[in-house]
Amino acid sequence: MTANPPADDRTFRRRRILRDALTIGAVTGAYGVSFGAVAVAAGLTVAQAAVLSLAMFTGGSQFAMVGTIAGGASPWAGAATAVLLGVRNAFYGLELKPVLGARGARRIGAAHLVIDESAAMGSVPGPVEDRRLGFWATGLAVFVGWNVMTLVGAVGASALDDPGVLGLDVAGPAAFVALLAPRLVDRERWAVAVVAALVAVGAAPLVPAGVPVLIAAAVAVVVGWRPSADGSDGTERPDGSGGSDGPRSSGGGATPGDER
């Protein structure tokens, strides 16, 4: 029978997890300023930007939606783009379900907090109670920081006569690049990215605004779904590992710079 760890050890681990969660929340939350400003520059009101962060709460999808709308596409195209980017959270949820063991209303709250950062903290190898604490602490820290700073950015941008003078129209594409760049770790992923980009550029003159992004995403999904050479399915886990290699972690929690 395995003895429980000393109380001092458990206290140290909890403090470290909470420290990491607050750091991640502060760093990621600060990024919310740019979303609030970009949303207003794209034509949303302060209230709409704030509600979008509260209800959607997944930064990459939010940037995708407002960026697509700013490009002249319909809100439906923007929403479809956001869904394509956000579907990964559903797979995170499947992996985290046995760790969290949430039921009822708590399960709904947990589902809303499933993002890259909280999933990464909840997937770090260790005792279940530590992983559970990491998920909840990180999810709540990012939720509060992201929404507060979204409001700050939106209010600040709305105070300008023309938010476009700040050059915020490039923030949407920049966010896409920031999401994509860390994933391009081998030739196969570079090839998928290049092919998808070429398809999007070729489709741009032929279809309504926003649709090329959806076509490019479909190409990436079809090509990327093929099993890789090592026999894995190519899917990526919250901690950045993929395929048959198993979870990778340094044991110190998520990195504050993880993208949402």
C-alpha atoms as a PDB file:
ATOM      1  CA  MET A   1       0.000   0.000   0.000  1.00  0.00           C
ATOM      2  CA  THR A   2       1.416   3.382  -1.030  1.00  0.00           C
ATOM      3  CA  ALA A   3       1.695   5.932   1.732  1.00  0.00           C
ATOM      4  CA  ASN A   4       0.269   9.403   1.226  1.00  0.00           C
ATOM      5  CA  PRO A   5       2.902  12.083   0.519  1.00  0.00           C
ATOM      6  CA  PRO A   6       3.869  14.329   3.438  1.00  0.00           C
ATOM      7  CA  ALA A   7       1.655  17.345   4.021  1.00  0.00           C
ATOM      8  CA  ASP A   8       4.583  19.697   3.361  1.00  0.00           C
ATOM      9  CA  ASP A   9       5.125  18.095  -0.042  1.00  0.00           C
ATOM     10  CA  ARG A  10       1.469  18.461  -0.983  1.00  0.00           C
ATOM     11  CA  THR A  11       1.492  22.098   0.147  1.00  0.00           C
ATOM     12  CA  PHE A  12       4.580  22.831  -1.938  1.00  0.00           C
ATOM     13  CA  ARG A  13       3.021  21.252  -5.025  1.00  0.00           C
ATOM     14  CA  ARG A  14      -0.223  23.186  -4.588  1.00  0.00           C
ATOM     15  CA  ARG A  15       1.620  26.467  -4.210  1.00  0.00           C
ATOM     16  CA  ARG A  16       3.667  25.789  -7.309  1.00  0.00           C
ATOM     17  CA  ILE A  17       0.555  24.903  -9.321  1.00  0.00           C
ATOM     18  CA  LEU A  18      -1.256  28.039  -8.170  1.00  0.00           C
ATOM     19  CA  ARG A  19       1.790  30.175  -8.928  1.00  0.00           C
ATOM     20  CA  ASP A  20       2.014  28.745 -12.443  1.00  0.00           C
ATOM     21  CA  ALA A  21      -1.720  29.185 -12.977  1.00  0.00           C
ATOM     22  CA  LEU A  22      -1.656  32.844 -11.943  1.00  0.00           C
ATOM     23  CA  THR A  23       1.356  33.495 -14.158  1.00  0.00           C
ATOM     24  CA  ILE A  24      -0.356  31.909 -17.146  1.00  0.00           C
ATOM     25  CA  GLY A  25      -3.532  33.862 -16.395  1.00  0.00           C
ATOM     26  CA  ALA A  26      -1.646  37.167 -16.274  1.00  0.00           C
ATOM     27  CA  VAL A  27       0.330  36.566 -19.466  1.00  0.00           C
ATOM     28  CA  THR A  28      -2.600  35.214 -21.477  1.00  0.00           C
ATOM     29  CA  GLY A  29      -4.992  37.779 -20.034  1.00  0.00           C
ATOM     30  CA  ALA A  30      -2.786  40.611 -21.246  1.00  0.00           C
ATOM     31  CA  TYR A  31      -3.277  39.293 -24.778  1.00  0.00           C
ATOM     32  CA  GLY A  32      -6.980  39.989 -24.338  1.00  0.00           C
ATOM     33  CA  VAL A  33      -6.296  43.719 -24.729  1.00  0.00           C
ATOM     34  CA  SER A  34      -5.428  43.175 -28.369  1.00  0.00           C
ATOM     35  CA  PHE A  35      -8.577  41.136 -28.964  1.00  0.00           C
ATOM     36  CA  GLY A  36     -10.806  43.819 -27.473  1.00  0.00           C
ATOM     37  CA  ALA A  37      -9.185  46.474 -29.654  1.00  0.00           C
ATOM     38  CA  VAL A  38      -9.289  44.313 -32.790  1.00  0.00           C
ATOM     39  CA  ALA A  39     -12.952  43.459 -32.212  1.00  0.00           C
ATOM     40  CA  VAL A  40     -13.924  47.132 -32.003  1.00  0.00           C
ATOM     41  CA  ALA A  41     -11.813  47.945 -35.067  1.00  0.00           C
ATOM     42  CA  ALA A  42     -13.677  45.179 -36.926  1.00  0.00           C
ATOM     43  CA  GLY A  43     -17.010  46.857 -36.181  1.00  0.00           C
ATOM     44  CA  LEU A  44     -18.165  45.231 -32.947  1.00  0.00           C
ATOM     45  CA  THR A  45     -19.388  47.318 -30.059  1.00  0.00           C
ATOM     46  CA  VAL A  46     -17.737  47.196 -26.643  1.00  0.00           C
ATOM     47  CA  ALA A  47     -20.634  45.103 -25.331  1.00  0.00           C
ATOM     48  CA  GLN A  48     -20.419  42.664 -28.250  1.00  0.00           C
ATOM     49  CA  ALA A  49     -16.670  42.215 -27.771  1.00  0.00           C
ATOM     50  CA  ALA A  50     -17.148  41.596 -24.045  1.00  0.00           C
ATOM     51  CA  VAL A  51     -19.969  39.080 -24.554  1.00  0.00           C
ATOM     52  CA  LEU A  52     -17.961  37.265 -27.238  1.00  0.00           C
ATOM     53  CA  SER A  53     -15.095  36.754 -24.784  1.00  0.00           C
ATOM     54  CA  LEU A  54     -17.451  35.648 -22.029  1.00  0.00           C
ATOM     55  CA  ALA A  55     -19.441  33.223 -24.168  1.00  0.00           C
ATOM     56  CA  MET A  56     -16.855  31.860 -26.625  1.00  0.00           C
ATOM     57  CA  PHE A  57     -13.731  32.094 -24.461  1.00  0.00           C
ATOM     58  CA  THR A  58     -11.184  30.654 -26.852  1.00  0.00           C
ATOM     59  CA  GLY A  59      -8.802  33.281 -28.145  1.00  0.00           C
ATOM     60  CA  GLY A  60      -7.787  31.741 -31.457  1.00  0.00           C
ATOM     61  CA  SER A  61     -11.414  31.249 -32.480  1.00  0.00           C
ATOM     62  CA  GLN A  62     -12.325  34.764 -31.369  1.00  0.00           C
ATOM     63  CA  PHE A  63      -9.548  36.316 -33.441  1.00  0.00           C
ATOM     64  CA  ALA A  64     -10.564  34.131 -36.379  1.00  0.00           C
ATOM     65  CA  MET A  65     -14.173  35.239 -36.164  1.00  0.00           C
ATOM     66  CA  VAL A  66     -13.544  38.982 -35.958  1.00  0.00           C
ATOM     67  CA  GLY A  67     -10.751  38.766 -38.541  1.00  0.00           C
ATOM     68  CA  THR A  68     -13.054  37.018 -41.003  1.00  0.00           C
ATOM     69  CA  ILE A  69     -15.819  39.546 -40.430  1.00  0.00           C
ATOM     70  CA  ALA A  70     -13.371  42.432 -40.779  1.00  0.00           C
ATOM     71  CA  GLY A  71     -12.377  41.013 -44.165  1.00  0.00           C
ATOM     72  CA  GLY A  72     -15.937  41.475 -45.410  1.00  0.00           C
ATOM     73  CA  ALA A  73     -17.299  37.985 -44.825  1.00  0.00           C
ATOM     74  CA  SER A  74     -20.653  37.231 -43.247  1.00  0.00           C
ATOM     75  CA  PRO A  75     -20.944  36.506 -39.523  1.00  0.00           C
ATOM     76  CA  TRP A  76     -21.835  32.915 -40.458  1.00  0.00           C
ATOM     77  CA  ALA A  77     -18.507  32.459 -42.235  1.00  0.00           C
ATOM     78  CA  GLY A  78     -16.784  33.974 -39.232  1.00  0.00           C
ATOM     79  CA  ALA A  79     -18.580  31.587 -36.892  1.00  0.00           C
ATOM     80  CA  ALA A  80     -17.712  28.575 -39.064  1.00  0.00           C
ATOM     81  CA  THR A  81     -14.033  29.547 -39.025  1.00  0.00           C
ATOM     82  CA  ALA A  82     -14.162  29.903 -35.258  1.00  0.00           C
ATOM     83  CA  VAL A  83     -15.727  26.456 -34.867  1.00  0.00           C
ATOM     84  CA  LEU A  84     -13.026  24.840 -36.994  1.00  0.00           C
ATOM     85  CA  LEU A  85     -10.328  26.310 -34.778  1.00  0.00           C
ATOM     86  CA  GLY A  86     -12.169  25.578 -31.544  1.00  0.00           C
ATOM     87  CA  VAL A  87     -13.055  21.940 -32.212  1.00  0.00           C
ATOM     88  CA  ARG A  88      -9.730  20.853 -30.690  1.00  0.00           C
ATOM     89  CA  ASN A  89     -11.132  21.779 -27.286  1.00  0.00           C
ATOM     90  CA  ALA A  90     -13.627  18.931 -27.588  1.00  0.00           C
ATOM     91  CA  PHE A  91     -10.769  16.443 -27.876  1.00  0.00           C
ATOM     92  CA  TYR A  92      -9.069  18.042 -24.869  1.00  0.00           C
ATOM     93  CA  GLY A  93     -12.297  17.514 -22.949  1.00  0.00           C
ATOM     94  CA  LEU A  94     -12.375  13.817 -23.765  1.00  0.00           C
ATOM     95  CA  GLU A  95      -8.866  13.391 -22.383  1.00  0.00           C
ATOM     96  CA  LEU A  96      -9.594  15.450 -19.266  1.00  0.00           C
ATOM     97  CA  LYS A  97     -12.935  13.823 -18.410  1.00  0.00           C
ATOM     98  CA  PRO A  98     -11.523  11.049 -16.190  1.00  0.00           C
ATOM     99  CA  VAL A  99      -9.250  13.555 -14.439  1.00  0.00           C
ATOM    100  CA  LEU A 100     -11.912  16.110 -13.603  1.00  0.00           C
ATOM    101  CA  GLY A 101     -14.796  13.767 -12.820  1.00  0.00           C
ATOM    102  CA  ALA A 102     -17.157  16.742 -13.031  1.00  0.00           C
ATOM    103  CA  ARG A 103     -20.938  16.257 -12.967  1.00  0.00           C
ATOM    104  CA  GLY A 104     -23.998  18.437 -13.383  1.00  0.00           C
ATOM    105  CA  ALA A 105     -23.483  22.197 -13.444  1.00  0.00           C
ATOM    106  CA  ARG A 106     -19.830  21.722 -12.537  1.00  0.00           C
ATOM    107  CA  ARG A 107     -19.385  19.743 -15.746  1.00  0.00           C
ATOM    108  CA  ILE A 108     -20.785  22.625 -17.787  1.00  0.00           C
ATOM    109  CA  GLY A 109     -18.378  25.023 -16.086  1.00  0.00           C
ATOM    110  CA  ALA A 110     -15.458  22.686 -16.733  1.00  0.00           C
ATOM    111  CA  ALA A 111     -16.360  22.412 -20.409  1.00  0.00           C
ATOM    112  CA  HIS A 112     -16.325  26.203 -20.742  1.00  0.00           C
ATOM    113  CA  LEU A 113     -12.856  26.392 -19.204  1.00  0.00           C
ATOM    114  CA  VAL A 114     -11.290  23.794 -21.514  1.00  0.00           C
ATOM    115  CA  ILE A 115      -8.637  25.763 -23.434  1.00  0.00           C
ATOM    116  CA  ASP A 116      -5.030  25.070 -24.398  1.00  0.00           C
ATOM    117  CA  GLU A 117      -3.568  26.347 -21.133  1.00  0.00           C
ATOM    118  CA  SER A 118      -5.968  24.634 -18.730  1.00  0.00           C
ATOM    119  CA  ALA A 119      -5.779  21.396 -20.728  1.00  0.00           C
ATOM    120  CA  ALA A 120      -1.984  21.482 -20.590  1.00  0.00           C
ATOM    121  CA  MET A 121      -1.962  21.999 -16.814  1.00  0.00           C
ATOM    122  CA  GLY A 122      -4.529  19.244 -16.404  1.00  0.00           C
ATOM    123  CA  SER A 123      -2.422  16.850 -18.471  1.00  0.00           C
ATOM    124  CA  VAL A 124       0.873  17.205 -16.597  1.00  0.00           C
ATOM    125  CA  PRO A 125       1.838  13.781 -15.185  1.00  0.00           C
ATOM    126  CA  GLY A 126       1.251  13.578 -11.450  1.00  0.00           C
ATOM    127  CA  PRO A 127      -1.421  12.935  -8.842  1.00  0.00           C
ATOM    128  CA  VAL A 128      -4.989  13.369 -10.065  1.00  0.00           C
ATOM    129  CA  GLU A 129      -5.716  16.007  -7.437  1.00  0.00           C
ATOM    130  CA  ASP A 130      -2.777  18.104  -8.692  1.00  0.00           C
ATOM    131  CA  ARG A 131      -3.920  17.832 -12.284  1.00  0.00           C
ATOM    132  CA  ARG A 132      -7.453  18.763 -11.283  1.00  0.00           C
ATOM    133  CA  LEU A 133      -6.204  21.790  -9.337  1.00  0.00           C
ATOM    134  CA  GLY A 134      -4.020  22.834 -12.253  1.00  0.00           C
ATOM    135  CA  PHE A 135      -6.954  22.713 -14.648  1.00  0.00           C
ATOM    136  CA  TRP A 136      -9.368  24.692 -12.499  1.00  0.00           C
ATOM    137  CA  ALA A 137      -6.835  27.262 -11.266  1.00  0.00           C
ATOM    138  CA  THR A 138      -5.496  27.930 -14.751  1.00  0.00           C
ATOM    139  CA  GLY A 139      -8.893  28.001 -16.415  1.00  0.00           C
ATOM    140  CA  LEU A 140     -10.299  30.475 -13.899  1.00  0.00           C
ATOM    141  CA  ALA A 141      -7.168  32.661 -13.931  1.00  0.00           C
ATOM    142  CA  VAL A 142      -7.199  32.915 -17.710  1.00  0.00           C
ATOM    143  CA  PHE A 143     -10.983  33.455 -17.795  1.00  0.00           C
ATOM    144  CA  VAL A 144     -10.823  36.407 -15.422  1.00  0.00           C
ATOM    145  CA  GLY A 145      -7.727  37.944 -17.005  1.00  0.00           C
ATOM    146  CA  TRP A 146      -8.909  37.469 -20.579  1.00  0.00           C
ATOM    147  CA  ASN A 147     -12.325  38.995 -20.012  1.00  0.00           C
ATOM    148  CA  VAL A 148     -11.110  41.945 -17.947  1.00  0.00           C
ATOM    149  CA  MET A 149      -8.441  42.827 -20.485  1.00  0.00           C
ATOM    150  CA  THR A 150     -10.825  42.344 -23.418  1.00  0.00           C
ATOM    151  CA  LEU A 151     -13.014  45.025 -21.870  1.00  0.00           C
ATOM    152  CA  VAL A 152     -10.006  47.296 -21.337  1.00  0.00           C
ATOM    153  CA  GLY A 153      -8.910  46.923 -24.967  1.00  0.00           C
ATOM    154  CA  ALA A 154     -12.420  47.420 -26.330  1.00  0.00           C
ATOM    155  CA  VAL A 155     -13.067  50.539 -24.248  1.00  0.00           C
ATOM    156  CA  GLY A 156      -9.687  51.968 -25.208  1.00  0.00           C
ATOM    157  CA  ALA A 157     -10.236  51.397 -28.927  1.00  0.00           C
ATOM    158  CA  SER A 158     -13.777  52.772 -28.795  1.00  0.00           C
ATOM    159  CA  ALA A 159     -12.428  56.049 -27.421  1.00  0.00           C
ATOM    160  CA  LEU A 160     -10.676  56.665 -30.745  1.00  0.00           C
ATOM    161  CA  ASP A 161     -12.487  58.281 -33.651  1.00  0.00           C
ATOM    162  CA  ASP A 162     -10.989  55.709 -36.005  1.00  0.00           C
ATOM    163  CA  PRO A 163      -9.479  52.608 -34.349  1.00  0.00           C
ATOM    164  CA  GLY A 164      -8.140  51.634 -37.758  1.00  0.00           C
ATOM    165  CA  VAL A 165      -5.358  54.234 -37.441  1.00  0.00           C
ATOM    166  CA  LEU A 166      -3.647  51.869 -34.985  1.00  0.00           C
ATOM    167  CA  GLY A 167      -3.126  49.325 -37.758  1.00  0.00           C
ATOM    168  CA  LEU A 168      -5.162  46.740 -35.869  1.00  0.00           C
ATOM    169  CA  ASP A 169      -6.321  45.173 -39.130  1.00  0.00           C
ATOM    170  CA  VAL A 170      -3.088  43.180 -39.198  1.00  0.00           C
ATOM    171  CA  ALA A 171      -3.603  41.751 -35.712  1.00  0.00           C
ATOM    172  CA  GLY A 172      -5.992  39.062 -36.945  1.00  0.00           C
ATOM    173  CA  PRO A 173      -3.558  37.587 -39.503  1.00  0.00           C
ATOM    174  CA  ALA A 174      -0.740  37.997 -36.978  1.00  0.00           C
ATOM    175  CA  ALA A 175      -2.722  35.933 -34.468  1.00  0.00           C
ATOM    176  CA  PHE A 176      -3.146  33.175 -37.085  1.00  0.00           C
ATOM    177  CA  VAL A 177       0.606  33.134 -37.659  1.00  0.00           C
ATOM    178  CA  ALA A 178       1.238  33.007 -33.909  1.00  0.00           C
ATOM    179  CA  LEU A 179      -1.085  30.006 -33.617  1.00  0.00           C
ATOM    180  CA  LEU A 180       0.433  28.222 -36.595  1.00  0.00           C
ATOM    181  CA  ALA A 181       4.161  28.857 -36.225  1.00  0.00           C
ATOM    182  CA  PRO A 182       4.799  26.630 -33.159  1.00  0.00           C
ATOM    183  CA  ARG A 183       3.157  23.697 -34.962  1.00  0.00           C
ATOM    184  CA  LEU A 184       5.471  23.775 -37.996  1.00  0.00           C
ATOM    185  CA  VAL A 185       8.084  21.415 -36.574  1.00  0.00           C
ATOM    186  CA  ASP A 186       8.710  19.117 -39.555  1.00  0.00           C
ATOM    187  CA  ARG A 187       8.530  18.996 -43.354  1.00  0.00           C
ATOM    188  CA  GLU A 188       5.143  17.301 -43.432  1.00  0.00           C
ATOM    189  CA  ARG A 189       3.463  20.059 -41.439  1.00  0.00           C
ATOM    190  CA  TRP A 190       5.177  22.713 -43.542  1.00  0.00           C
ATOM    191  CA  ALA A 191       3.883  20.975 -46.659  1.00  0.00           C
ATOM    192  CA  VAL A 192       0.320  20.912 -45.304  1.00  0.00           C
ATOM    193  CA  ALA A 193       0.521  24.607 -44.402  1.00  0.00           C
ATOM    194  CA  VAL A 194       1.901  25.612 -47.813  1.00  0.00           C
ATOM    195  CA  VAL A 195      -0.671  23.577 -49.754  1.00  0.00           C
ATOM    196  CA  ALA A 196      -3.540  24.984 -47.662  1.00  0.00           C
ATOM    197  CA  ALA A 197      -2.246  28.537 -48.169  1.00  0.00           C
ATOM    198  CA  LEU A 198      -1.951  28.076 -51.947  1.00  0.00           C
ATOM    199  CA  VAL A 199      -5.480  26.677 -52.120  1.00  0.00           C
ATOM    200  CA  ALA A 200      -6.792  29.663 -50.139  1.00  0.00           C
ATOM    201  CA  VAL A 201      -5.019  32.159 -52.416  1.00  0.00           C
ATOM    202  CA  GLY A 202      -6.316  30.387 -55.518  1.00  0.00           C
ATOM    203  CA  ALA A 203      -9.867  30.313 -54.206  1.00  0.00           C
ATOM    204  CA  ALA A 204      -9.930  33.953 -53.077  1.00  0.00           C
ATOM    205  CA  PRO A 205     -11.035  35.456 -56.434  1.00  0.00           C
ATOM    206  CA  LEU A 206     -13.694  32.787 -56.936  1.00  0.00           C
ATOM    207  CA  VAL A 207     -15.613  32.620 -53.650  1.00  0.00           C
ATOM    208  CA  PRO A 208     -17.010  35.100 -51.094  1.00  0.00           C
ATOM    209  CA  ALA A 209     -14.744  36.571 -48.431  1.00  0.00           C
ATOM    210  CA  GLY A 210     -14.096  34.205 -45.551  1.00  0.00           C
ATOM    211  CA  VAL A 211     -14.720  31.050 -47.568  1.00  0.00           C
ATOM    212  CA  PRO A 212     -11.061  30.595 -48.640  1.00  0.00           C
ATOM    213  CA  VAL A 213     -10.136  30.169 -44.977  1.00  0.00           C
ATOM    214  CA  LEU A 214     -12.708  27.384 -44.626  1.00  0.00           C
ATOM    215  CA  ILE A 215     -11.475  25.666 -47.789  1.00  0.00           C
ATOM    216  CA  ALA A 216      -7.864  25.871 -46.587  1.00  0.00           C
ATOM    217  CA  ALA A 217      -8.871  24.418 -43.225  1.00  0.00           C
ATOM    218  CA  ALA A 218     -10.646  21.527 -44.957  1.00  0.00           C
ATOM    219  CA  VAL A 219      -7.537  20.810 -47.026  1.00  0.00           C
ATOM    220  CA  ALA A 220      -5.363  20.826 -43.904  1.00  0.00           C
ATOM    221  CA  VAL A 221      -7.748  18.462 -42.107  1.00  0.00           C
ATOM    222  CA  VAL A 222      -7.891  15.987 -45.007  1.00  0.00           C
ATOM    223  CA  VAL A 223      -4.124  15.957 -45.533  1.00  0.00           C
ATOM    224  CA  GLY A 224      -3.253  16.051 -41.858  1.00  0.00           C
ATOM    225  CA  TRP A 225      -5.628  13.223 -40.911  1.00  0.00           C
ATOM    226  CA  ARG A 226      -3.482  10.625 -42.693  1.00  0.00           C
ATOM    227  CA  PRO A 227      -1.424   8.382 -40.373  1.00  0.00           C
ATOM    228  CA  SER A 228       2.166   9.567 -40.121  1.00  0.00           C
ATOM    229  CA  ALA A 229       5.232   7.496 -40.869  1.00  0.00           C
ATOM    230  CA  ASP A 230       5.628   6.397 -37.231  1.00  0.00           C
ATOM    231  CA  GLY A 231       2.148   4.884 -37.229  1.00  0.00           C
ATOM    232  CA  SER A 232       0.538   7.604 -35.112  1.00  0.00           C
ATOM    233  CA  ASP A 233      -2.584   9.453 -36.144  1.00  0.00           C
ATOM    234  CA  GLY A 234      -0.847  12.811 -36.123  1.00  0.00           C
ATOM    235  CA  THR A 235      -3.171  14.354 -33.541  1.00  0.00           C
ATOM    236  CA  GLU A 236      -1.642  16.601 -30.939  1.00  0.00           C
ATOM    237  CA  ARG A 237      -2.266  16.353 -27.241  1.00  0.00           C
ATOM    238  CA  PRO A 238      -2.724  19.341 -24.919  1.00  0.00           C
ATOM    239  CA  ASP A 239       0.841  19.032 -23.654  1.00  0.00           C
ATOM    240  CA  GLY A 240       2.239  19.303 -27.164  1.00  0.00           C
ATOM    241  CA  SER A 241       2.958  15.618 -27.666  1.00  0.00           C
ATOM    242  CA  GLY A 242       1.370  13.562 -30.379  1.00  0.00           C
ATOM    243  CA  GLY A 243       0.923  10.129 -31.857  1.00  0.00           C
ATOM    244  CA  SER A 244       2.384   7.142 -30.101  1.00  0.00           C
ATOM    245  CA  ASP A 245       5.162   8.901 -28.207  1.00  0.00           C
ATOM    246  CA  GLY A 246       2.967   9.516 -25.180  1.00  0.00           C
ATOM    247  CA  PRO A 247       2.659  12.696 -23.094  1.00  0.00           C
ATOM    248  CA  ARG A 248       5.742  14.827 -22.712  1.00  0.00           C
ATOM    249  CA  SER A 249       6.304  17.101 -19.771  1.00  0.00           C
ATOM    250  CA  SER A 250       9.142  18.535 -17.772  1.00  0.00           C
ATOM    251  CA  GLY A 251       7.002  18.096 -14.673  1.00  0.00           C
ATOM    252  CA  GLY A 252       6.756  21.806 -14.036  1.00  0.00           C
ATOM    253  CA  GLY A 253       3.365  22.592 -15.514  1.00  0.00           C
ATOM    254  CA  ALA A 254       2.441  24.533 -18.637  1.00  0.00           C
ATOM    255  CA  THR A 255       4.538  27.228 -20.157  1.00  0.00           C
ATOM    256  CA  PRO A 256       2.990  30.691 -19.791  1.00  0.00           C
ATOM    257  CA  GLY A 257       3.485  31.353 -23.478  1.00  0.00           C
ATOM    258  CA  ASP A 258       1.244  28.523 -24.661  1.00  0.00           C
ATOM    259  CA  GLU A 259      -1.152  29.773 -27.295  1.00  0.00           C
ATOM    260  CA  ARG A 260      -4.907  29.738 -26.854  1.00  0.00           C
END
